[in-house]
Amino acid sequence: MLPHDQFMFAELTSGGDGQMLKLVFAAHEVSVRGHHLRRIETVMQRLELSLLANLPSSQRNLITEGQPVILEITVTETHEGEQANQSNPEK
């Protein structure tokens, strides 16, 4: 739902049991927690990403090794510090 023309930058950090990808837009910040998120960072920077969704635990065995796995997505409004109601924690 966030337009590519408002995308500013991406930041990938690794730690402990996974990775955190921060996608910063003009008025929102999207935090993605998961594994092998470098590919998502790359396609977002190329403005080629069309859909981002977390993967239910029951479907993780279908993903081949090295493919991105999203465990959680959180969207936060950056202006006025208000948090959007768009959090999808792992179930």
Protein backbone atom coordinates (compact mmCIF):
# COMPACT_ATOMS: atom_id res chain seq x y z
CA MET A 1 0.00 0.00 0.00
CA LEU A 2 3.05 2.28 0.19
CA PRO A 3 4.03 3.86 -3.14
CA HIS A 4 7.52 3.32 -4.53
CA ASP A 5 7.94 7.05 -5.16
CA GLN A 6 7.89 7.62 -1.37
CA PHE A 7 10.61 5.01 -0.69
CA MET A 8 13.74 6.59 0.79
CA PHE A 9 16.13 3.80 1.86
CA ALA A 10 16.52 0.28 3.27
CA GLU A 11 18.71 -0.91 6.14
CA LEU A 12 19.46 -4.59 6.86
CA THR A 13 20.82 -5.74 10.23
CA SER A 14 21.66 -9.24 11.42
CA GLY A 15 21.62 -10.53 14.92
CA GLY A 16 20.83 -13.52 17.08
CA ASP A 17 18.22 -15.70 15.43
CA GLY A 18 17.54 -13.70 12.28
CA GLN A 19 17.62 -10.44 10.41
CA MET A 20 15.75 -7.15 10.59
CA LEU A 21 15.05 -5.14 7.44
CA LYS A 22 13.93 -1.54 7.82
CA LEU A 23 12.25 0.06 4.79
CA VAL A 24 11.88 3.81 5.22
CA PHE A 25 9.27 5.76 3.28
CA ALA A 26 8.35 9.46 3.45
CA ALA A 27 5.73 8.98 6.17
CA HIS A 28 6.09 5.32 7.22
CA GLU A 29 8.68 2.83 8.35
CA VAL A 30 8.26 -0.88 7.62
CA SER A 31 10.15 -3.31 9.88
CA VAL A 32 10.52 -6.84 8.56
CA ARG A 33 11.87 -9.66 10.77
CA GLY A 34 12.98 -12.93 9.17
CA HIS A 35 15.76 -14.81 7.41
CA HIS A 36 17.61 -14.25 4.10
CA LEU A 37 16.15 -10.76 3.72
CA ARG A 38 18.95 -9.43 1.47
CA ARG A 39 16.94 -10.39 -1.64
CA ILE A 40 13.97 -8.36 -0.41
CA GLU A 41 16.23 -5.37 0.25
CA THR A 42 17.64 -5.62 -3.28
CA VAL A 43 14.28 -5.78 -5.08
CA MET A 44 12.93 -2.94 -2.96
CA GLN A 45 15.87 -0.72 -3.87
CA ARG A 46 15.21 -1.55 -7.55
CA LEU A 47 11.55 -0.59 -6.96
CA GLU A 48 10.47 -4.06 -8.12
CA LEU A 49 8.76 -5.34 -4.95
CA SER A 50 4.99 -5.64 -5.35
CA LEU A 51 3.93 -7.73 -2.33
CA LEU A 52 5.37 -8.43 1.11
CA ALA A 53 3.71 -10.90 3.52
CA ASN A 54 4.70 -12.98 6.51
CA LEU A 55 4.83 -16.76 6.13
CA PRO A 56 2.72 -18.93 8.45
CA SER A 57 4.70 -21.52 10.43
CA SER A 58 2.79 -24.35 8.72
CA GLN A 59 4.21 -23.35 5.31
CA ARG A 60 7.87 -22.79 6.18
CA ASN A 61 8.90 -26.32 5.20
CA LEU A 62 7.87 -25.48 1.59
CA ILE A 63 10.58 -22.81 1.25
CA THR A 64 13.88 -23.93 -0.25
CA GLU A 65 17.14 -23.14 1.56
CA GLY A 66 18.34 -19.58 1.05
CA GLN A 67 14.95 -18.12 0.10
CA PRO A 68 13.60 -15.18 2.13
CA VAL A 69 11.32 -16.06 5.04
CA ILE A 70 9.32 -13.27 6.69
CA LEU A 71 8.28 -13.88 10.28
CA GLU A 72 6.83 -10.47 11.16
CA ILE A 73 5.96 -7.16 9.49
CA THR A 74 5.31 -3.95 11.41
CA VAL A 75 4.31 -0.64 9.80
CA THR A 76 4.76 2.57 11.78
CA GLU A 77 3.87 6.13 10.82
CA THR A 78 6.99 8.27 11.14
CA HIS A 79 5.32 11.67 11.33
CA GLU A 80 3.83 12.43 14.77
CA GLY A 81 5.10 9.08 16.04
CA GLU A 82 1.74 7.31 15.62
CA GLN A 83 1.77 3.56 15.14
CA ALA A 84 -0.34 2.11 12.35
CA ASN A 85 -2.62 -0.82 13.00
CA GLN A 86 -0.74 -3.03 10.54
CA SER A 87 1.27 -5.46 12.63
CA ASN A 88 1.40 -9.14 11.57
CA PRO A 89 3.24 -11.06 14.29
CA GLU A 90 4.21 -14.68 13.75
CA LYS A 91 1.53 -17.09 14.94
